[in-house]
Structures are given as structure tokens and as C-alpha cells.
Amino acid sequence: MKIRRLYGRVSSVLFLLILLACGAAAGWYFLIYAKSPQYALNQFLSAAKANDTSKVTQLSNTTGALLLAINQAGIAQDAVALIYPGYNNITEFGTVKSASVESMSVEGDTAEAKMKLEVEQDGKTNTLTPTYVLHKSDDGWKVAIEATIGSSFNQLISTQARKKAAKTIRDALKANPAMATMAKQMIGGAAEPYPEVKTFLKEAGL
């Protein structure tokens, strides 16, 4: 009888410990991890891979003067496809075959993730290593599309694509010279933090 009682007590203690461990794990997941930039980025990558445009929109910020300029230059139908080639069936810049987060750093309301993208284009697979930028808002962490493109512009957009876009902009400015002044005022300040973008704009006549 004593052995049975002892066994019962041990079993009860083990069961209680398991419940506590499960509770702690669930609490960590929902209260900490689910609110982290790592979680938001993983959700974004899964949604982009599945072409879940509603989820991608929810997990990204696609505002900004630079993105407006990119759209006007006709570089991409959807700016998200610039940081995740193949998204929304836009394959001009290839198609992501695999995406992994190599490392992530967080400082205040900004997170930077070093990425590794295996992108297939024209029968070849290239490795891209952009830095994804995330900002924390009232709605949680979101991938900042403009900041990501700006900080990894040359990595994400090929030399050929940059030359084509620059020519498109130069031709547009020649056709409408007044546009140059307006464009400089609109995107000049926004491009200031991004040296690669500033160089591109200079080549494009801005």
C-alpha cells in the first residue's frame, strides 16, 4: 500500500510538472514569441511563398516616396516582389526557391534580419543576401518594404534592371522636364539614408 501511495504521489507530481511546462511553453509562445519580429517575419515569408496577398499586406508596410517612385518607374508591378522574387506570380526578378533567416538584431522598434534567398531565374539559381528591415507599429511588427529595398537596393535589383529603370526615368524626364523638379522634391529626402538608391537616382537624372 505504501508503494502504491508513493507511486501515486510521484505520478501526480510528474503530471503537475508536465502541466506547468506546457503552460510555460504556451505562455512563451503567445505572450513573447508571437509578438516578436522573428515571428512576424516567418509569417511574412510563409504568406509570400503562398501568394497570400491579404496576409502579406497585413504583415508589411508598403508606403513611402521611394516606393511611389519605383512604381512610377515601372520597375515592378508589386514592390513586395522586389524583396521576395516570384511573389504574386511576378517572376521578372526570378522566383524564390528557399528563404532562410541567417541572423536578426533588434534595437528599439527596428529589427534587421540578414536573409539568404535562393532565387531561380532563367534556369540559374542565384543566392541573394539582402537585409530585411522590420518596424514595430501599434499593429505589431511589419516588414518595411521601402527600408528593405533601400538598404539592399543593389543586392535585390540586378545591374540590368537598374539600367533599364534609369533609362525609363531619363526618357520620362526628357518628355516632361517639369517632372524632374517635382520628383527631386518628392523623393530626395526619402533617399537620403540609402546611398545605393541615391547613386541610382543620380544616374537616372534625379
N, C-alpha and C. Protein backbone atom coordinates (compact mmCIF):
# COMPACT_ATOMS: atom_id res chain seq x y z
N MET A 1 0.82 -1.21 0.00
CA MET A 1 0.00 0.00 0.00
C MET A 1 0.86 1.26 0.00
N LYS A 2 1.95 1.20 0.80
CA LYS A 2 2.83 2.37 0.84
C LYS A 2 3.45 2.63 -0.54
N ILE A 3 3.81 1.55 -1.22
CA ILE A 3 4.41 1.70 -2.56
C ILE A 3 3.39 2.30 -3.53
N ARG A 4 2.14 1.84 -3.41
CA ARG A 4 1.09 2.39 -4.28
C ARG A 4 0.88 3.87 -4.03
N ARG A 5 0.85 4.25 -2.72
CA ARG A 5 0.65 5.66 -2.39
C ARG A 5 1.82 6.50 -2.89
N LEU A 6 3.03 5.95 -2.73
CA LEU A 6 4.22 6.67 -3.20
C LEU A 6 4.19 6.83 -4.70
N TYR A 7 3.81 5.75 -5.39
CA TYR A 7 3.73 5.80 -6.85
C TYR A 7 2.69 6.83 -7.30
N GLY A 8 1.56 6.86 -6.56
CA GLY A 8 0.50 7.81 -6.90
C GLY A 8 0.97 9.24 -6.71
N ARG A 9 1.71 9.49 -5.63
CA ARG A 9 2.21 10.85 -5.37
C ARG A 9 3.21 11.27 -6.44
N VAL A 10 4.10 10.35 -6.80
CA VAL A 10 5.11 10.66 -7.83
C VAL A 10 4.43 10.95 -9.16
N SER A 11 3.43 10.15 -9.48
CA SER A 11 2.70 10.35 -10.74
C SER A 11 2.01 11.70 -10.75
N SER A 12 1.42 12.08 -9.61
CA SER A 12 0.73 13.37 -9.51
C SER A 12 1.71 14.53 -9.69
N VAL A 13 2.88 14.39 -9.04
CA VAL A 13 3.90 15.44 -9.15
C VAL A 13 4.38 15.56 -10.60
N LEU A 14 4.64 14.42 -11.24
CA LEU A 14 5.09 14.45 -12.64
C LEU A 14 4.04 15.06 -13.55
N PHE A 15 2.78 14.72 -13.32
CA PHE A 15 1.68 15.27 -14.12
C PHE A 15 1.60 16.78 -13.94
N LEU A 16 1.77 17.24 -12.69
CA LEU A 16 1.73 18.67 -12.40
C LEU A 16 2.89 19.39 -13.08
N LEU A 17 4.08 18.78 -13.06
CA LEU A 17 5.25 19.37 -13.70
C LEU A 17 5.05 19.48 -15.22
N ILE A 18 4.44 18.44 -15.79
CA ILE A 18 4.17 18.46 -17.23
C ILE A 18 3.20 19.57 -17.58
N LEU A 19 2.15 19.73 -16.75
CA LEU A 19 1.18 20.80 -16.98
C LEU A 19 1.84 22.17 -16.89
N LEU A 20 2.72 22.32 -15.88
CA LEU A 20 3.40 23.60 -15.72
C LEU A 20 4.31 23.90 -16.90
N ALA A 21 5.02 22.85 -17.39
CA ALA A 21 5.92 23.02 -18.53
C ALA A 21 5.13 23.40 -19.77
N CYS A 22 4.00 22.73 -19.98
CA CYS A 22 3.15 23.05 -21.14
C CYS A 22 2.60 24.47 -21.05
N GLY A 23 2.20 24.84 -19.82
CA GLY A 23 1.68 26.19 -19.62
C GLY A 23 2.75 27.24 -19.88
N ALA A 24 3.98 26.96 -19.41
CA ALA A 24 5.08 27.90 -19.62
C ALA A 24 5.40 28.03 -21.10
N ALA A 25 5.40 26.89 -21.81
CA ALA A 25 5.69 26.91 -23.25
C ALA A 25 4.61 27.68 -24.00
N ALA A 26 3.36 27.44 -23.65
CA ALA A 26 2.25 28.15 -24.30
C ALA A 26 2.31 29.64 -24.00
N GLY A 27 2.64 29.97 -22.75
CA GLY A 27 2.76 31.38 -22.38
C GLY A 27 3.88 32.06 -23.14
N TRP A 28 5.02 31.37 -23.26
CA TRP A 28 6.15 31.94 -24.02
C TRP A 28 5.76 32.16 -25.47
N TYR A 29 5.06 31.18 -26.05
CA TYR A 29 4.71 31.27 -27.47
C TYR A 29 3.75 32.43 -27.72
N PHE A 30 2.67 32.52 -26.94
CA PHE A 30 1.64 33.52 -27.21
C PHE A 30 1.98 34.90 -26.67
N LEU A 31 2.70 34.97 -25.56
CA LEU A 31 2.98 36.26 -24.93
C LEU A 31 4.29 36.88 -25.38
N ILE A 32 5.22 36.05 -25.84
CA ILE A 32 6.54 36.57 -26.21
C ILE A 32 6.84 36.33 -27.69
N TYR A 33 6.94 35.06 -28.10
CA TYR A 33 7.35 34.75 -29.47
C TYR A 33 6.37 35.29 -30.51
N ALA A 34 5.08 35.12 -30.28
CA ALA A 34 4.07 35.54 -31.25
C ALA A 34 4.04 37.06 -31.43
N LYS A 35 4.69 37.79 -30.53
CA LYS A 35 4.75 39.24 -30.63
C LYS A 35 6.14 39.73 -31.05
N SER A 36 6.99 38.81 -31.46
CA SER A 36 8.37 39.15 -31.79
C SER A 36 8.53 39.43 -33.29
N PRO A 37 9.60 40.14 -33.68
CA PRO A 37 9.86 40.37 -35.11
C PRO A 37 10.18 39.08 -35.85
N GLN A 38 10.80 38.12 -35.15
CA GLN A 38 11.11 36.84 -35.78
C GLN A 38 9.83 36.13 -36.21
N TYR A 39 8.83 36.14 -35.35
CA TYR A 39 7.55 35.51 -35.68
C TYR A 39 6.88 36.22 -36.85
N ALA A 40 6.86 37.55 -36.81
CA ALA A 40 6.24 38.33 -37.89
C ALA A 40 6.93 38.06 -39.22
N LEU A 41 8.26 37.98 -39.20
CA LEU A 41 8.99 37.72 -40.43
C LEU A 41 8.70 36.32 -40.97
N ASN A 42 8.68 35.34 -40.09
CA ASN A 42 8.37 33.97 -40.52
C ASN A 42 6.97 33.90 -41.13
N GLN A 43 6.03 34.62 -40.53
CA GLN A 43 4.67 34.65 -41.06
C GLN A 43 4.65 35.33 -42.43
N PHE A 44 5.42 36.40 -42.57
CA PHE A 44 5.50 37.11 -43.85
C PHE A 44 6.07 36.21 -44.93
N LEU A 45 7.15 35.49 -44.62
CA LEU A 45 7.78 34.61 -45.59
C LEU A 45 6.84 33.50 -46.03
N SER A 46 6.12 32.94 -45.09
CA SER A 46 5.15 31.88 -45.42
C SER A 46 4.04 32.42 -46.30
N ALA A 47 3.56 33.62 -45.98
CA ALA A 47 2.48 34.22 -46.76
C ALA A 47 2.95 34.59 -48.17
N ALA A 48 4.17 35.11 -48.27
CA ALA A 48 4.71 35.46 -49.59
C ALA A 48 4.89 34.22 -50.45
N LYS A 49 5.35 33.15 -49.84
CA LYS A 49 5.54 31.89 -50.57
C LYS A 49 4.21 31.36 -51.08
N ALA A 50 3.16 31.53 -50.29
CA ALA A 50 1.84 31.02 -50.65
C ALA A 50 1.04 32.02 -51.49
N ASN A 51 1.65 33.18 -51.80
CA ASN A 51 0.95 34.24 -52.52
C ASN A 51 -0.33 34.66 -51.81
N ASP A 52 -0.26 34.68 -50.48
CA ASP A 52 -1.40 35.12 -49.68
C ASP A 52 -1.32 36.64 -49.56
N THR A 53 -1.90 37.33 -50.54
CA THR A 53 -1.76 38.77 -50.60
C THR A 53 -2.39 39.49 -49.40
N SER A 54 -3.46 38.94 -48.88
CA SER A 54 -4.11 39.55 -47.72
C SER A 54 -3.19 39.52 -46.51
N LYS A 55 -2.56 38.37 -46.29
CA LYS A 55 -1.66 38.21 -45.14
C LYS A 55 -0.40 39.05 -45.33
N VAL A 56 0.14 39.07 -46.55
CA VAL A 56 1.33 39.87 -46.82
C VAL A 56 1.05 41.34 -46.57
N THR A 57 -0.10 41.81 -47.00
CA THR A 57 -0.48 43.21 -46.78
C THR A 57 -0.57 43.52 -45.30
N GLN A 58 -1.10 42.57 -44.55
CA GLN A 58 -1.24 42.74 -43.11
C GLN A 58 0.12 42.80 -42.41
N LEU A 59 1.11 42.09 -42.95
CA LEU A 59 2.41 41.97 -42.29
C LEU A 59 3.48 42.87 -42.89
N SER A 60 3.09 43.79 -43.76
CA SER A 60 4.09 44.65 -44.39
C SER A 60 3.62 46.10 -44.47
N ASN A 61 4.59 46.98 -44.58
CA ASN A 61 4.31 48.40 -44.77
C ASN A 61 4.81 48.78 -46.15
N THR A 62 3.91 49.17 -47.04
CA THR A 62 4.28 49.44 -48.43
C THR A 62 4.11 50.92 -48.78
N THR A 63 4.22 51.79 -47.78
CA THR A 63 4.10 53.22 -48.05
C THR A 63 5.49 53.83 -48.20
N GLY A 64 5.56 55.02 -48.78
CA GLY A 64 6.82 55.73 -48.87
C GLY A 64 7.06 56.32 -50.25
N ALA A 65 7.79 57.44 -50.28
CA ALA A 65 8.06 58.13 -51.53
C ALA A 65 8.91 57.29 -52.48
N LEU A 66 9.83 56.52 -51.94
CA LEU A 66 10.67 55.69 -52.80
C LEU A 66 9.86 54.62 -53.52
N LEU A 67 8.92 54.03 -52.80
CA LEU A 67 8.08 53.01 -53.43
C LEU A 67 7.21 53.63 -54.52
N LEU A 68 6.77 54.84 -54.28
CA LEU A 68 5.98 55.53 -55.29
C LEU A 68 6.81 55.75 -56.55
N ALA A 69 8.09 56.12 -56.35
CA ALA A 69 8.98 56.33 -57.49
C ALA A 69 9.25 55.03 -58.23
N ILE A 70 9.41 53.95 -57.47
CA ILE A 70 9.65 52.64 -58.08
C ILE A 70 8.46 52.23 -58.93
N ASN A 71 7.26 52.47 -58.41
CA ASN A 71 6.05 52.14 -59.17
C ASN A 71 5.95 52.97 -60.44
N GLN A 72 6.24 54.27 -60.32
CA GLN A 72 6.16 55.16 -61.47
C GLN A 72 7.20 54.81 -62.52
N ALA A 73 8.36 54.29 -62.06
CA ALA A 73 9.42 53.92 -63.00
C ALA A 73 9.12 52.59 -63.68
N GLY A 74 8.11 51.88 -63.18
CA GLY A 74 7.75 50.60 -63.77
C GLY A 74 8.72 49.49 -63.49
N ILE A 75 9.44 49.60 -62.36
CA ILE A 75 10.42 48.57 -62.02
C ILE A 75 9.73 47.27 -61.64
N ALA A 76 8.61 47.37 -60.98
CA ALA A 76 7.88 46.16 -60.57
C ALA A 76 6.40 46.47 -60.41
N GLN A 77 5.56 45.48 -60.72
CA GLN A 77 4.13 45.64 -60.55
C GLN A 77 3.76 45.71 -59.06
N ASP A 78 4.54 45.03 -58.25
CA ASP A 78 4.30 44.98 -56.81
C ASP A 78 5.65 45.04 -56.12
N ALA A 79 5.85 46.02 -55.25
CA ALA A 79 7.15 46.22 -54.61
C ALA A 79 7.57 45.02 -53.77
N VAL A 80 6.61 44.26 -53.25
CA VAL A 80 6.95 43.08 -52.44
C VAL A 80 7.76 42.08 -53.27
N ALA A 81 7.47 42.03 -54.58
CA ALA A 81 8.18 41.10 -55.46
C ALA A 81 9.65 41.48 -55.61
N LEU A 82 10.00 42.69 -55.22
CA LEU A 82 11.40 43.09 -55.28
C LEU A 82 12.21 42.46 -54.14
N ILE A 83 11.57 42.26 -53.00
CA ILE A 83 12.30 41.66 -51.88
C ILE A 83 12.02 40.15 -51.75
N TYR A 84 10.97 39.70 -52.44
CA TYR A 84 10.66 38.26 -52.47
C TYR A 84 10.29 37.90 -53.90
N PRO A 85 11.29 37.72 -54.76
CA PRO A 85 11.04 37.44 -56.19
C PRO A 85 10.08 36.27 -56.40
N GLY A 86 9.14 36.48 -57.30
CA GLY A 86 8.15 35.45 -57.59
C GLY A 86 6.85 35.65 -56.87
N TYR A 87 6.83 36.57 -55.89
CA TYR A 87 5.60 36.83 -55.16
C TYR A 87 4.50 37.31 -56.09
N ASN A 88 3.31 36.85 -55.84
CA ASN A 88 2.13 37.24 -56.61
C ASN A 88 2.30 36.91 -58.09
N ASN A 89 3.10 35.85 -58.36
CA ASN A 89 3.36 35.36 -59.72
C ASN A 89 4.08 36.39 -60.59
N ILE A 90 4.82 37.30 -59.95
CA ILE A 90 5.66 38.26 -60.68
C ILE A 90 7.07 37.69 -60.73
N THR A 91 7.45 37.16 -61.88
CA THR A 91 8.71 36.42 -61.99
C THR A 91 9.80 37.18 -62.75
N GLU A 92 9.59 38.47 -62.95
CA GLU A 92 10.57 39.27 -63.68
C GLU A 92 11.95 39.22 -63.03
N PHE A 93 11.97 39.12 -61.70
CA PHE A 93 13.23 39.08 -60.97
C PHE A 93 13.54 37.67 -60.46
N GLY A 94 12.90 36.67 -61.05
CA GLY A 94 13.14 35.29 -60.65
C GLY A 94 12.07 34.79 -59.69
N THR A 95 12.33 33.63 -59.11
CA THR A 95 11.40 33.02 -58.17
C THR A 95 12.17 32.45 -56.98
N VAL A 96 11.76 32.80 -55.80
CA VAL A 96 12.41 32.28 -54.59
C VAL A 96 12.13 30.79 -54.45
N LYS A 97 13.19 30.02 -54.33
CA LYS A 97 13.06 28.58 -54.10
C LYS A 97 13.20 28.25 -52.62
N SER A 98 13.97 29.04 -51.91
CA SER A 98 14.09 28.86 -50.46
C SER A 98 14.50 30.18 -49.84
N ALA A 99 14.03 30.39 -48.61
CA ALA A 99 14.35 31.62 -47.88
C ALA A 99 14.62 31.27 -46.43
N SER A 100 15.71 31.78 -45.90
CA SER A 100 16.04 31.49 -44.51
C SER A 100 16.58 32.75 -43.83
N VAL A 101 16.32 32.85 -42.53
CA VAL A 101 16.81 33.96 -41.73
C VAL A 101 18.13 33.54 -41.12
N GLU A 102 19.22 34.21 -41.51
CA GLU A 102 20.54 33.85 -41.02
C GLU A 102 20.80 34.42 -39.63
N SER A 103 20.34 35.65 -39.39
CA SER A 103 20.50 36.28 -38.08
C SER A 103 19.55 37.47 -37.99
N MET A 104 19.30 37.90 -36.77
CA MET A 104 18.42 39.05 -36.58
C MET A 104 18.91 39.86 -35.40
N SER A 105 18.88 41.17 -35.56
CA SER A 105 19.22 42.09 -34.48
C SER A 105 18.05 43.03 -34.26
N VAL A 106 17.81 43.38 -33.01
CA VAL A 106 16.68 44.25 -32.66
C VAL A 106 17.19 45.41 -31.83
N GLU A 107 16.80 46.60 -32.24
CA GLU A 107 17.15 47.80 -31.48
C GLU A 107 15.92 48.69 -31.41
N GLY A 108 15.31 48.73 -30.24
CA GLY A 108 14.09 49.52 -30.08
C GLY A 108 12.97 48.99 -30.95
N ASP A 109 12.41 49.85 -31.78
CA ASP A 109 11.28 49.48 -32.64
C ASP A 109 11.72 49.09 -34.05
N THR A 110 13.02 48.81 -34.22
CA THR A 110 13.54 48.40 -35.53
C THR A 110 14.29 47.08 -35.41
N ALA A 111 14.04 46.19 -36.34
CA ALA A 111 14.75 44.91 -36.40
C ALA A 111 15.33 44.74 -37.79
N GLU A 112 16.52 44.13 -37.86
CA GLU A 112 17.16 43.86 -39.14
C GLU A 112 17.49 42.37 -39.21
N ALA A 113 17.04 41.75 -40.28
CA ALA A 113 17.25 40.31 -40.46
C ALA A 113 18.14 40.06 -41.67
N LYS A 114 19.26 39.40 -41.45
CA LYS A 114 20.13 39.00 -42.54
C LYS A 114 19.52 37.77 -43.20
N MET A 115 19.18 37.88 -44.48
CA MET A 115 18.46 36.82 -45.17
C MET A 115 19.36 36.09 -46.16
N LYS A 116 18.93 34.89 -46.49
CA LYS A 116 19.55 34.12 -47.57
C LYS A 116 18.43 33.60 -48.46
N LEU A 117 18.39 34.12 -49.69
CA LEU A 117 17.36 33.72 -50.64
C LEU A 117 18.00 32.98 -51.80
N GLU A 118 17.49 31.80 -52.10
CA GLU A 118 17.91 31.07 -53.29
C GLU A 118 16.88 31.37 -54.37
N VAL A 119 17.31 32.11 -55.39
CA VAL A 119 16.38 32.59 -56.42
C VAL A 119 16.73 31.98 -57.77
N GLU A 120 15.73 31.37 -58.40
CA GLU A 120 15.92 30.77 -59.72
C GLU A 120 15.44 31.74 -60.79
N GLN A 121 16.31 32.00 -61.77
CA GLN A 121 15.96 32.89 -62.87
C GLN A 121 16.68 32.43 -64.12
N ASP A 122 15.93 32.28 -65.19
CA ASP A 122 16.48 31.85 -66.48
C ASP A 122 17.29 30.57 -66.35
N GLY A 123 16.76 29.63 -65.57
CA GLY A 123 17.40 28.33 -65.44
C GLY A 123 18.60 28.30 -64.51
N LYS A 124 18.93 29.44 -63.91
CA LYS A 124 20.07 29.50 -62.99
C LYS A 124 19.59 29.86 -61.59
N THR A 125 20.32 29.38 -60.59
CA THR A 125 19.97 29.70 -59.21
C THR A 125 21.03 30.62 -58.62
N ASN A 126 20.58 31.76 -58.15
CA ASN A 126 21.48 32.75 -57.54
C ASN A 126 21.15 32.89 -56.06
N THR A 127 22.16 33.21 -55.28
CA THR A 127 21.97 33.43 -53.85
C THR A 127 21.98 34.92 -53.56
N LEU A 128 20.89 35.42 -53.00
CA LEU A 128 20.79 36.81 -52.60
C LEU A 128 20.89 36.90 -51.08
N THR A 129 21.56 37.93 -50.59
CA THR A 129 21.72 38.09 -49.14
C THR A 129 21.29 39.49 -48.70
N PRO A 130 20.03 39.83 -48.92
CA PRO A 130 19.55 41.16 -48.50
C PRO A 130 19.33 41.23 -47.00
N THR A 131 19.14 42.44 -46.53
CA THR A 131 18.77 42.66 -45.13
C THR A 131 17.33 43.13 -45.09
N TYR A 132 16.47 42.34 -44.47
CA TYR A 132 15.07 42.74 -44.32
C TYR A 132 14.97 43.64 -43.08
N VAL A 133 14.25 44.75 -43.24
CA VAL A 133 14.04 45.68 -42.13
C VAL A 133 12.59 45.57 -41.66
N LEU A 134 12.41 45.49 -40.35
CA LEU A 134 11.07 45.44 -39.77
C LEU A 134 10.91 46.59 -38.79
N HIS A 135 9.73 47.18 -38.77
CA HIS A 135 9.41 48.24 -37.82
C HIS A 135 8.22 47.81 -36.97
N LYS A 136 8.27 48.21 -35.72
CA LYS A 136 7.16 47.90 -34.81
C LYS A 136 6.16 49.03 -34.82
N SER A 137 4.89 48.68 -35.02
CA SER A 137 3.82 49.67 -35.02
C SER A 137 2.78 49.27 -33.99
N ASP A 138 1.71 50.03 -33.93
CA ASP A 138 0.63 49.70 -33.00
C ASP A 138 0.01 48.35 -33.33
N ASP A 139 0.14 47.93 -34.59
CA ASP A 139 -0.42 46.64 -35.02
C ASP A 139 0.59 45.51 -34.92
N GLY A 140 1.75 45.79 -34.35
CA GLY A 140 2.78 44.75 -34.24
C GLY A 140 3.92 44.99 -35.22
N TRP A 141 4.78 44.01 -35.35
CA TRP A 141 5.93 44.11 -36.25
C TRP A 141 5.51 43.91 -37.70
N LYS A 142 6.08 44.75 -38.58
CA LYS A 142 5.79 44.63 -40.01
C LYS A 142 7.08 44.78 -40.81
N VAL A 143 7.14 44.08 -41.93
CA VAL A 143 8.29 44.21 -42.83
C VAL A 143 8.18 45.55 -43.55
N ALA A 144 9.19 46.39 -43.40
CA ALA A 144 9.21 47.70 -44.04
C ALA A 144 9.78 47.55 -45.45
N ILE A 145 8.90 47.50 -46.43
CA ILE A 145 9.31 47.22 -47.81
C ILE A 145 10.27 48.29 -48.33
N GLU A 146 9.94 49.56 -48.10
CA GLU A 146 10.79 50.64 -48.61
C GLU A 146 12.18 50.59 -47.98
N ALA A 147 12.25 50.46 -46.67
CA ALA A 147 13.54 50.41 -45.98
C ALA A 147 14.35 49.19 -46.40
N THR A 148 13.66 48.08 -46.66
CA THR A 148 14.34 46.86 -47.10
C THR A 148 14.94 47.05 -48.48
N ILE A 149 14.16 47.61 -49.40
CA ILE A 149 14.67 47.86 -50.74
C ILE A 149 15.81 48.87 -50.69
N GLY A 150 15.62 49.93 -49.89
CA GLY A 150 16.64 50.97 -49.81
C GLY A 150 17.96 50.47 -49.26
N SER A 151 17.92 49.61 -48.25
CA SER A 151 19.16 49.15 -47.63
C SER A 151 19.83 48.03 -48.43
N SER A 152 19.10 47.38 -49.32
CA SER A 152 19.68 46.27 -50.11
C SER A 152 19.38 46.45 -51.59
N PHE A 153 19.37 47.68 -52.05
CA PHE A 153 18.94 48.01 -53.41
C PHE A 153 19.75 47.25 -54.47
N ASN A 154 21.07 47.34 -54.40
CA ASN A 154 21.91 46.70 -55.42
C ASN A 154 21.87 45.18 -55.33
N GLN A 155 21.60 44.66 -54.13
CA GLN A 155 21.53 43.22 -53.96
C GLN A 155 20.25 42.65 -54.56
N LEU A 156 19.16 43.40 -54.41
CA LEU A 156 17.86 42.91 -54.84
C LEU A 156 17.57 43.16 -56.31
N ILE A 157 18.09 44.28 -56.84
CA ILE A 157 17.80 44.66 -58.22
C ILE A 157 19.07 44.53 -59.05
N SER A 158 19.02 43.73 -60.08
CA SER A 158 20.20 43.46 -60.90
C SER A 158 20.68 44.72 -61.63
N THR A 159 21.94 44.67 -62.05
CA THR A 159 22.52 45.79 -62.79
C THR A 159 21.70 46.09 -64.04
N GLN A 160 21.29 45.05 -64.74
CA GLN A 160 20.50 45.22 -65.96
C GLN A 160 19.17 45.90 -65.67
N ALA A 161 18.51 45.49 -64.60
CA ALA A 161 17.22 46.08 -64.24
C ALA A 161 17.39 47.54 -63.83
N ARG A 162 18.49 47.85 -63.11
CA ARG A 162 18.73 49.23 -62.70
C ARG A 162 18.96 50.13 -63.92
N LYS A 163 19.72 49.63 -64.88
CA LYS A 163 19.98 50.42 -66.09
C LYS A 163 18.70 50.67 -66.87
N LYS A 164 17.86 49.64 -66.96
CA LYS A 164 16.59 49.77 -67.67
C LYS A 164 15.69 50.79 -67.00
N ALA A 165 15.63 50.72 -65.66
CA ALA A 165 14.78 51.64 -64.92
C ALA A 165 15.31 53.07 -65.03
N ALA A 166 16.64 53.23 -64.97
CA ALA A 166 17.24 54.56 -65.08
C ALA A 166 16.92 55.18 -66.43
N LYS A 167 16.99 54.37 -67.47
CA LYS A 167 16.67 54.88 -68.82
C LYS A 167 15.21 55.29 -68.91
N THR A 168 14.33 54.50 -68.31
CA THR A 168 12.90 54.83 -68.32
C THR A 168 12.65 56.17 -67.66
N ILE A 169 13.34 56.40 -66.55
CA ILE A 169 13.17 57.67 -65.83
C ILE A 169 13.74 58.83 -66.64
N ARG A 170 14.93 58.64 -67.23
CA ARG A 170 15.53 59.71 -68.04
C ARG A 170 14.64 60.09 -69.21
N ASP A 171 14.07 59.09 -69.87
CA ASP A 171 13.18 59.35 -71.00
C ASP A 171 11.95 60.12 -70.56
N ALA A 172 11.43 59.76 -69.38
CA ALA A 172 10.24 60.44 -68.86
C ALA A 172 10.55 61.89 -68.52
N LEU A 173 11.74 62.13 -67.99
CA LEU A 173 12.13 63.49 -67.63
C LEU A 173 12.34 64.35 -68.87
N LYS A 174 12.86 63.76 -69.93
CA LYS A 174 13.04 64.49 -71.18
C LYS A 174 11.69 64.89 -71.77
N ALA A 175 10.75 63.98 -71.65
CA ALA A 175 9.41 64.25 -72.19
C ALA A 175 8.68 65.29 -71.35
N ASN A 176 9.01 65.37 -70.06
CA ASN A 176 8.35 66.31 -69.17
C ASN A 176 9.38 66.86 -68.17
N PRO A 177 10.17 67.86 -68.57
CA PRO A 177 11.23 68.41 -67.71
C PRO A 177 10.74 68.91 -66.36
N ALA A 178 9.51 69.39 -66.31
CA ALA A 178 8.98 69.89 -65.04
C ALA A 178 8.88 68.79 -64.00
N MET A 179 8.81 67.54 -64.48
CA MET A 179 8.70 66.40 -63.58
C MET A 179 9.95 66.24 -62.72
N ALA A 180 11.13 66.63 -63.26
CA ALA A 180 12.39 66.45 -62.55
C ALA A 180 12.39 67.18 -61.22
N THR A 181 12.00 68.45 -61.24
CA THR A 181 11.97 69.24 -60.01
C THR A 181 11.02 68.64 -58.99
N MET A 182 9.84 68.26 -59.45
CA MET A 182 8.85 67.68 -58.56
C MET A 182 9.35 66.36 -57.98
N ALA A 183 9.98 65.54 -58.83
CA ALA A 183 10.48 64.24 -58.39
C ALA A 183 11.59 64.39 -57.36
N LYS A 184 12.48 65.37 -57.58
CA LYS A 184 13.57 65.60 -56.62
C LYS A 184 13.01 66.00 -55.27
N GLN A 185 12.02 66.86 -55.28
CA GLN A 185 11.42 67.30 -54.03
C GLN A 185 10.71 66.15 -53.32
N MET A 186 10.11 65.27 -54.11
CA MET A 186 9.30 64.19 -53.55
C MET A 186 10.14 63.08 -52.94
N ILE A 187 11.22 62.68 -53.63
CA ILE A 187 11.96 61.51 -53.17
C ILE A 187 13.37 61.82 -52.68
N GLY A 188 13.83 63.05 -52.86
CA GLY A 188 15.20 63.37 -52.46
C GLY A 188 15.47 63.08 -50.99
N GLY A 189 14.62 63.59 -50.13
CA GLY A 189 14.81 63.37 -48.70
C GLY A 189 14.65 61.91 -48.31
N ALA A 190 13.70 61.22 -48.93
CA ALA A 190 13.45 59.82 -48.60
C ALA A 190 14.63 58.94 -48.98
N ALA A 191 15.36 59.34 -50.02
CA ALA A 191 16.50 58.52 -50.47
C ALA A 191 17.78 58.80 -49.69
N GLU A 192 17.77 59.84 -48.88
CA GLU A 192 18.98 60.27 -48.17
C GLU A 192 19.64 59.15 -47.35
N PRO A 193 18.88 58.30 -46.66
CA PRO A 193 19.52 57.26 -45.85
C PRO A 193 20.09 56.10 -46.67
N TYR A 194 19.83 56.08 -47.98
CA TYR A 194 20.18 54.92 -48.79
C TYR A 194 21.17 55.30 -49.90
N PRO A 195 22.46 55.17 -49.68
CA PRO A 195 23.48 55.56 -50.66
C PRO A 195 23.30 54.89 -52.02
N GLU A 196 22.94 53.62 -52.03
CA GLU A 196 22.79 52.91 -53.31
C GLU A 196 21.64 53.48 -54.12
N VAL A 197 20.59 53.86 -53.44
CA VAL A 197 19.44 54.46 -54.13
C VAL A 197 19.79 55.85 -54.64
N LYS A 198 20.54 56.60 -53.85
CA LYS A 198 20.96 57.94 -54.27
C LYS A 198 21.80 57.86 -55.53
N THR A 199 22.70 56.88 -55.60
CA THR A 199 23.54 56.69 -56.80
C THR A 199 22.67 56.35 -58.01
N PHE A 200 21.69 55.48 -57.80
CA PHE A 200 20.77 55.12 -58.88
C PHE A 200 19.99 56.33 -59.38
N LEU A 201 19.47 57.13 -58.45
CA LEU A 201 18.70 58.30 -58.82
C LEU A 201 19.56 59.31 -59.59
N LYS A 202 20.81 59.44 -59.19
CA LYS A 202 21.72 60.34 -59.88
C LYS A 202 21.94 59.88 -61.32
N GLU A 203 22.10 58.56 -61.49
CA GLU A 203 22.28 58.00 -62.84
C GLU A 203 21.02 58.21 -63.67
N ALA A 204 19.88 58.26 -62.99
CA ALA A 204 18.61 58.42 -63.71
C ALA A 204 18.27 59.88 -63.96
N GLY A 205 19.15 60.79 -63.54
CA GLY A 205 18.91 62.20 -63.79
C GLY A 205 18.21 62.92 -62.68
N LEU A 206 18.14 62.27 -61.50
CA LEU A 206 17.48 62.91 -60.36
C LEU A 206 18.50 63.22 -59.27
